[in-house]
N, C-alpha and C. Protein backbone atom coordinates (compact mmCIF):
# COMPACT_ATOMS: atom_id res chain seq x y z
N GLN A 1 -18.83 4.13 5.22
CA GLN A 1 -18.09 3.14 5.36
C GLN A 1 -16.88 3.20 3.79
N VAL A 2 -15.81 2.25 3.99
CA VAL A 2 -14.96 2.71 2.59
C VAL A 2 -14.44 1.44 2.93
N GLN A 3 -14.97 0.67 1.73
CA GLN A 3 -14.64 -1.04 1.35
C GLN A 3 -13.29 -1.03 0.98
N LEU A 4 -12.27 -1.73 1.23
CA LEU A 4 -10.85 -1.91 0.04
C LEU A 4 -10.91 -3.34 0.07
N VAL A 5 -10.23 -3.63 -0.92
CA VAL A 5 -10.58 -5.26 -2.00
C VAL A 5 -8.88 -5.19 -2.13
N GLU A 6 -7.83 -5.98 -1.39
CA GLU A 6 -6.45 -5.95 -1.59
C GLU A 6 -6.50 -7.38 -2.81
N SER A 7 -5.94 -7.54 -3.91
CA SER A 7 -5.18 -8.29 -4.85
C SER A 7 -4.14 -7.92 -5.03
N GLY A 8 -3.65 -9.48 -5.81
CA GLY A 8 -2.24 -9.26 -6.45
C GLY A 8 -1.47 -9.59 -5.78
N GLY A 9 -1.74 -10.44 -4.58
CA GLY A 9 -0.17 -11.18 -3.89
C GLY A 9 -0.13 -12.62 -4.72
N GLY A 10 0.80 -13.29 -3.62
CA GLY A 10 1.40 -14.43 -4.10
C GLY A 10 2.90 -14.59 -3.77
N LEU A 11 3.46 -15.87 -4.65
CA LEU A 11 4.86 -16.67 -4.33
C LEU A 11 5.51 -16.23 -5.72
N VAL A 12 6.41 -15.44 -4.97
CA VAL A 12 7.09 -15.01 -6.39
C VAL A 12 8.81 -14.91 -5.48
N GLN A 13 10.15 -15.46 -6.65
CA GLN A 13 11.02 -15.63 -6.32
C GLN A 13 11.72 -14.51 -6.05
N ALA A 14 12.94 -14.44 -5.34
CA ALA A 14 13.83 -13.40 -4.96
C ALA A 14 14.04 -12.45 -6.59
N GLY A 15 14.17 -11.33 -6.47
CA GLY A 15 14.35 -10.37 -7.88
C GLY A 15 13.51 -10.17 -8.92
N GLY A 16 11.91 -11.21 -8.14
CA GLY A 16 11.18 -10.75 -9.31
C GLY A 16 10.10 -9.53 -8.41
N SER A 17 9.15 -9.06 -9.38
CA SER A 17 7.92 -7.91 -9.38
C SER A 17 6.10 -8.61 -9.13
N LEU A 18 5.91 -8.19 -8.35
CA LEU A 18 4.26 -8.40 -8.16
C LEU A 18 3.57 -6.74 -8.15
N ARG A 19 2.35 -6.83 -8.36
CA ARG A 19 1.65 -5.69 -8.37
C ARG A 19 0.59 -5.76 -7.43
N LEU A 20 0.70 -5.06 -6.28
CA LEU A 20 -0.78 -5.38 -5.78
C LEU A 20 -2.00 -4.25 -6.40
N SER A 21 -3.14 -4.36 -6.22
CA SER A 21 -4.25 -4.03 -5.95
C SER A 21 -4.97 -3.68 -4.87
N CYS A 22 -5.67 -2.26 -4.72
CA CYS A 22 -6.43 -2.57 -3.59
C CYS A 22 -7.40 -1.20 -4.42
N ALA A 23 -8.81 -2.17 -4.42
CA ALA A 23 -9.79 -1.79 -5.11
C ALA A 23 -10.77 -0.91 -4.22
N SER A 24 -11.18 0.31 -4.39
CA SER A 24 -12.04 0.90 -3.22
C SER A 24 -13.07 1.30 -3.69
N SER A 25 -14.62 1.16 -2.37
CA SER A 25 -16.01 1.44 -3.00
C SER A 25 -16.21 2.81 -3.12
N GLU A 26 -15.33 3.48 -2.73
CA GLU A 26 -15.49 5.34 -2.39
C GLU A 26 -14.03 5.80 -4.18
N ARG A 27 -14.49 6.81 -3.90
CA ARG A 27 -13.61 7.66 -5.26
C ARG A 27 -12.24 8.06 -4.59
N ILE A 28 -10.84 6.70 -4.81
CA ILE A 28 -10.04 6.84 -4.16
C ILE A 28 -9.04 8.36 -4.48
N GLY A 29 -9.62 9.56 -4.85
CA GLY A 29 -9.08 10.37 -5.61
C GLY A 29 -9.05 11.57 -4.44
N SER A 30 -10.19 10.97 -3.67
CA SER A 30 -10.59 11.97 -2.61
C SER A 30 -9.99 12.00 -1.69
N TYR A 31 -9.11 10.88 -0.82
CA TYR A 31 -8.29 10.29 0.05
C TYR A 31 -6.44 10.02 0.26
N ALA A 32 -6.03 10.42 1.40
CA ALA A 32 -4.71 9.90 1.43
C ALA A 32 -5.14 8.65 1.28
N THR A 33 -4.25 7.72 0.82
CA THR A 33 -3.68 6.23 0.97
C THR A 33 -2.48 5.94 1.65
N GLY A 34 -2.62 4.39 2.11
CA GLY A 34 -0.76 4.03 2.26
C GLY A 34 -1.23 2.57 2.07
N TRP A 35 -0.28 2.15 2.52
CA TRP A 35 0.49 0.59 2.37
C TRP A 35 1.03 0.03 3.30
N PHE A 36 0.66 -0.54 3.89
CA PHE A 36 1.75 -1.56 4.93
C PHE A 36 1.87 -2.91 4.80
N ARG A 37 2.21 -2.84 5.68
CA ARG A 37 2.58 -4.92 5.83
C ARG A 37 3.19 -5.36 7.27
N GLN A 38 3.03 -6.34 7.46
CA GLN A 38 3.01 -6.93 8.48
C GLN A 38 3.57 -8.58 8.65
N ALA A 39 4.87 -8.62 8.99
CA ALA A 39 5.71 -9.97 9.02
C ALA A 39 4.96 -10.81 9.72
N PRO A 40 5.40 -12.42 9.47
CA PRO A 40 5.04 -13.17 11.31
C PRO A 40 6.18 -12.33 12.28
N GLY A 41 5.46 -12.38 13.46
CA GLY A 41 6.30 -12.48 14.52
C GLY A 41 6.60 -10.90 14.33
N LYS A 42 6.05 -9.21 13.72
CA LYS A 42 6.97 -7.91 13.61
C LYS A 42 5.29 -7.33 14.16
N GLU A 43 6.01 -6.32 14.16
CA GLU A 43 4.64 -5.46 13.91
C GLU A 43 4.58 -4.87 12.70
N ARG A 44 2.87 -4.13 12.16
CA ARG A 44 2.83 -3.60 11.13
C ARG A 44 3.42 -2.60 10.89
N GLU A 45 3.78 -2.33 9.58
CA GLU A 45 4.77 -1.17 9.53
C GLU A 45 4.31 -0.35 7.78
N ILE A 46 4.72 1.03 7.73
CA ILE A 46 4.08 1.51 6.74
C ILE A 46 5.51 0.96 5.67
N VAL A 47 4.48 0.69 4.42
CA VAL A 47 5.59 0.66 3.02
C VAL A 47 5.95 2.25 2.10
N ALA A 48 4.18 2.55 2.01
CA ALA A 48 4.71 3.57 1.35
C ALA A 48 3.16 4.61 1.46
N ALA A 49 3.17 5.58 1.23
CA ALA A 49 1.58 6.69 0.94
C ALA A 49 1.92 7.58 -0.24
N LEU A 50 0.17 7.58 -0.07
CA LEU A 50 -0.39 9.02 -1.58
C LEU A 50 -0.85 9.90 -0.57
N SER A 51 -0.85 11.35 -0.99
CA SER A 51 -1.21 12.24 -0.48
C SER A 51 -2.90 11.74 -1.29
N TRP A 52 -3.86 12.98 -0.69
CA TRP A 52 -4.94 13.11 -1.42
C TRP A 52 -4.86 13.66 -2.53
N SER A 53 -3.93 14.70 -2.94
CA SER A 53 -4.37 15.20 -4.29
C SER A 53 -2.81 14.57 -5.30
N GLY A 54 -2.41 13.46 -4.74
CA GLY A 54 -1.55 12.31 -5.78
C GLY A 54 -0.14 13.19 -5.92
N THR A 55 0.46 14.29 -5.39
CA THR A 55 1.37 14.98 -6.07
C THR A 55 2.40 14.33 -4.71
N SER A 56 2.45 13.92 -3.64
CA SER A 56 3.25 13.76 -2.85
C SER A 56 3.67 12.16 -2.13
N THR A 57 4.59 11.43 -1.77
CA THR A 57 4.62 10.11 -1.89
C THR A 57 5.18 10.26 -0.80
N TYR A 58 5.82 8.76 -0.03
CA TYR A 58 6.27 8.29 1.25
C TYR A 58 6.37 7.06 0.74
N TYR A 59 7.95 6.79 0.96
CA TYR A 59 8.03 5.26 1.18
C TYR A 59 9.21 5.09 2.19
N ALA A 60 8.79 3.74 2.55
CA ALA A 60 9.81 3.56 3.92
C ALA A 60 11.30 3.41 3.11
N ASP A 61 12.24 3.38 4.35
CA ASP A 61 13.84 2.95 3.58
C ASP A 61 13.94 1.61 3.12
N SER A 62 13.22 0.97 3.37
CA SER A 62 13.60 -0.37 2.73
C SER A 62 13.07 -0.96 1.19
N VAL A 63 12.28 0.09 1.04
CA VAL A 63 11.50 -0.05 0.02
C VAL A 63 11.80 1.01 -1.48
N LYS A 64 12.42 1.86 -0.48
CA LYS A 64 12.95 3.22 -1.46
C LYS A 64 13.65 2.73 -2.78
N GLY A 65 13.29 2.67 -4.25
CA GLY A 65 13.86 2.70 -5.36
C GLY A 65 13.48 1.18 -5.96
N ARG A 66 12.79 0.35 -5.05
CA ARG A 66 12.31 -0.82 -5.52
C ARG A 66 10.37 -0.57 -5.33
N PHE A 67 9.87 -0.37 -4.68
CA PHE A 67 8.23 -0.24 -4.96
C PHE A 67 7.50 1.49 -5.10
N THR A 68 6.66 1.50 -5.82
CA THR A 68 6.15 2.27 -6.79
C THR A 68 4.69 2.21 -5.65
N ILE A 69 4.11 3.65 -5.55
CA ILE A 69 2.80 3.50 -5.07
C ILE A 69 2.12 4.59 -5.95
N SER A 70 1.01 4.33 -6.80
CA SER A 70 0.15 4.69 -7.72
C SER A 70 -1.27 4.64 -7.03
N ARG A 71 -2.24 5.54 -7.97
CA ARG A 71 -3.61 4.86 -8.40
C ARG A 71 -4.22 5.68 -9.62
N ASP A 72 -5.26 4.61 -9.83
CA ASP A 72 -6.02 4.59 -10.75
C ASP A 72 -7.14 5.41 -10.63
N GLY A 73 -8.18 7.08 -10.37
CA GLY A 73 -8.84 7.35 -10.05
C GLY A 73 -10.19 6.62 -10.87
N ALA A 74 -10.19 6.90 -12.34
CA ALA A 74 -10.79 6.64 -12.57
C ALA A 74 -11.80 4.78 -12.66
N LYS A 75 -10.81 3.86 -12.00
CA LYS A 75 -11.02 2.72 -11.25
C LYS A 75 -11.29 2.52 -9.74
N ASN A 76 -11.04 3.35 -9.07
CA ASN A 76 -11.20 3.58 -7.94
C ASN A 76 -9.96 2.71 -6.90
N THR A 77 -8.72 2.62 -7.85
CA THR A 77 -7.73 1.56 -7.22
C THR A 77 -6.52 2.07 -6.89
N VAL A 78 -5.70 2.17 -5.62
CA VAL A 78 -4.53 1.98 -5.10
C VAL A 78 -3.34 1.00 -5.98
N TYR A 79 -2.29 1.38 -6.78
CA TYR A 79 -1.10 0.58 -6.85
C TYR A 79 -0.05 0.36 -5.55
N LEU A 80 0.30 -0.83 -5.82
CA LEU A 80 1.40 -0.92 -5.60
C LEU A 80 2.66 -1.72 -6.28
N GLN A 81 3.62 -1.14 -6.90
CA GLN A 81 4.45 -1.92 -7.97
C GLN A 81 5.50 -2.23 -6.94
N MET A 82 5.67 -3.27 -6.86
CA MET A 82 7.51 -4.22 -6.23
C MET A 82 8.04 -5.14 -7.14
N ASN A 83 9.29 -4.20 -7.49
CA ASN A 83 10.01 -4.63 -8.03
C ASN A 83 11.23 -4.85 -7.31
N SER A 84 12.24 -6.45 -7.64
CA SER A 84 13.65 -6.05 -7.05
C SER A 84 13.21 -7.32 -5.55
N LEU A 85 12.12 -7.67 -5.43
CA LEU A 85 11.70 -8.20 -4.29
C LEU A 85 13.23 -8.93 -3.27
N LYS A 86 12.90 -8.94 -2.43
CA LYS A 86 13.68 -10.01 -1.73
C LYS A 86 12.79 -10.84 -0.43
N PRO A 87 13.39 -11.68 -0.14
CA PRO A 87 12.96 -12.64 1.27
C PRO A 87 12.47 -11.73 2.28
N GLU A 88 12.61 -10.62 2.62
CA GLU A 88 12.45 -10.16 3.77
C GLU A 88 11.14 -8.88 3.27
N ASP A 89 10.91 -8.85 2.25
CA ASP A 89 9.73 -8.48 2.20
C ASP A 89 8.70 -9.69 2.01
N THR A 90 8.46 -10.27 2.49
CA THR A 90 7.53 -11.34 2.93
C THR A 90 6.73 -10.69 4.04
N ALA A 91 5.53 -10.74 3.70
CA ALA A 91 4.13 -10.26 4.48
C ALA A 91 3.14 -10.43 4.12
N VAL A 92 2.26 -9.86 4.87
CA VAL A 92 0.62 -9.57 4.37
C VAL A 92 0.64 -8.15 3.87
N TYR A 93 -0.06 -7.84 3.11
CA TYR A 93 -0.13 -6.12 2.80
C TYR A 93 -1.11 -5.68 3.22
N TYR A 94 -1.33 -4.78 3.33
CA TYR A 94 -2.66 -3.69 3.56
C TYR A 94 -2.65 -2.47 2.85
N CYS A 95 -3.69 -2.49 2.33
CA CYS A 95 -3.79 -0.53 2.18
C CYS A 95 -4.68 -0.23 3.17
N ALA A 96 -4.76 1.35 3.07
CA ALA A 96 -5.97 1.33 3.96
C ALA A 96 -6.08 3.19 3.37
N VAL A 97 -6.98 4.00 4.11
CA VAL A 97 -7.38 5.46 3.00
C VAL A 97 -7.60 6.00 4.79
N ASP A 98 -6.70 7.05 4.93
CA ASP A 98 -6.93 8.23 5.54
C ASP A 98 -8.01 9.10 5.18
N TYR A 99 -9.24 8.76 5.58
CA TYR A 99 -10.61 9.10 4.98
C TYR A 99 -10.73 10.58 5.70
N TYR A 100 -10.27 11.02 6.56
CA TYR A 100 -10.41 13.02 6.99
C TYR A 100 -9.31 13.29 6.89
N SER A 101 -8.57 13.25 6.07
CA SER A 101 -6.93 14.15 5.69
C SER A 101 -7.40 15.31 5.35
N GLU A 102 -7.05 16.26 6.23
CA GLU A 102 -7.41 17.67 6.11
C GLU A 102 -6.42 18.69 4.72
N TYR A 103 -5.30 18.18 4.44
CA TYR A 103 -4.56 18.63 3.82
C TYR A 103 -4.44 17.84 2.14
N PRO A 104 -4.47 18.27 0.99
CA PRO A 104 -4.35 17.90 -0.20
C PRO A 104 -3.09 17.35 -0.19
N SER A 105 -1.53 17.77 0.05
CA SER A 105 -0.35 17.43 -0.04
C SER A 105 0.33 16.15 1.15
N LYS A 106 -0.60 16.23 2.18
CA LYS A 106 -0.28 15.75 3.40
C LYS A 106 -0.08 14.09 2.87
N VAL A 107 1.16 13.56 3.54
CA VAL A 107 1.33 11.89 3.22
C VAL A 107 0.76 11.48 5.00
N SER A 108 0.18 10.44 5.18
CA SER A 108 -0.16 10.10 6.62
C SER A 108 0.96 9.14 6.63
N ARG A 109 1.49 8.31 7.73
CA ARG A 109 2.52 8.01 8.13
C ARG A 109 2.51 6.97 8.83
N GLU A 110 1.36 7.27 9.68
CA GLU A 110 0.98 6.64 11.20
C GLU A 110 -0.01 5.57 11.12
N GLN A 111 -0.11 4.87 11.19
CA GLN A 111 -1.37 3.93 11.36
C GLN A 111 -2.71 4.44 11.90
N TYR A 112 -2.58 5.21 13.21
CA TYR A 112 -3.62 5.56 13.71
C TYR A 112 -4.60 6.94 12.50
N GLU A 113 -3.00 7.31 11.78
CA GLU A 113 -4.11 8.22 10.57
C GLU A 113 -5.39 7.70 9.92
N TYR A 114 -5.15 6.61 9.64
CA TYR A 114 -6.05 5.43 8.86
C TYR A 114 -7.24 5.36 8.96
N ASP A 115 -8.24 4.96 9.04
CA ASP A 115 -9.73 4.86 9.32
C ASP A 115 -10.24 3.60 8.65
N TYR A 116 -10.11 3.67 7.57
CA TYR A 116 -10.20 1.96 6.65
C TYR A 116 -9.41 1.50 6.34
N TRP A 117 -9.45 -0.23 6.34
CA TRP A 117 -8.42 -1.00 6.08
C TRP A 117 -8.92 -2.20 5.22
N GLY A 118 -8.40 -3.21 4.33
CA GLY A 118 -8.59 -3.81 3.80
C GLY A 118 -8.14 -5.69 4.39
N GLN A 119 -8.48 -6.14 3.81
CA GLN A 119 -8.05 -7.30 4.29
C GLN A 119 -6.70 -8.38 4.58
N GLY A 120 -6.18 -7.64 3.64
CA GLY A 120 -4.92 -8.20 3.33
C GLY A 120 -4.18 -9.25 2.33
N THR A 121 -3.22 -9.23 2.08
CA THR A 121 -3.46 -10.14 0.69
C THR A 121 -1.24 -10.67 1.03
N GLN A 122 -1.33 -11.73 0.76
CA GLN A 122 -0.12 -12.63 1.02
C GLN A 122 0.65 -11.98 -0.06
N VAL A 123 2.61 -11.37 0.53
CA VAL A 123 3.57 -11.98 -0.63
C VAL A 123 4.25 -12.56 0.11
N THR A 124 4.61 -13.66 -0.38
CA THR A 124 6.01 -14.49 0.06
C THR A 124 6.92 -14.39 -0.83
N VAL A 125 8.30 -14.19 -0.57
CA VAL A 125 9.49 -14.19 -1.85
C VAL A 125 10.27 -15.34 -1.50
N SER A 126 10.42 -16.01 -2.27
CA SER A 126 11.31 -16.95 -1.93
C SER A 126 12.72 -16.93 -2.30
N SER A 127 13.61 -17.17 -1.55
CA SER A 127 15.18 -17.13 -1.82
C SER A 127 16.10 -18.15 -2.86
C-alpha cells in the first residue's frame, strides 16, 4: 500500500505561482506518477504525468508551458510547479502512482492506470 500526501495548495492571485508536493511512503523513482485535478462540477482530468524512468513527461494542453512535473528520489517526493496561474486552474489537485507500470518510459495518462491516490490539495486562483 503506497501512501501519498499532497501539500502546497492555497489561495493565489492570477499570474502567481505555487508548487505542489506529493510525499510517497515508497520509493517514488520506481513508479510512474501523475497529477490530476477536479474543478467543481467537472470531471477529474489529468494535468501532468512522469514516466517511471523520469525521462518522459506529458502535459495537458491547458497547462503546457506553465506547469512542470518533477521528482526528488532522495525525498520520495513528486512536485508540480505551477506558474502563470489562471482562475480556471482552480481545482482540487491529486497526485497518483501507477504502481504496475511495465515500461520505464511509459507515461500513464488515464485515471484507470493509477493504483494509489492522495487525498488532494485545494488550489484557488483569484482574478
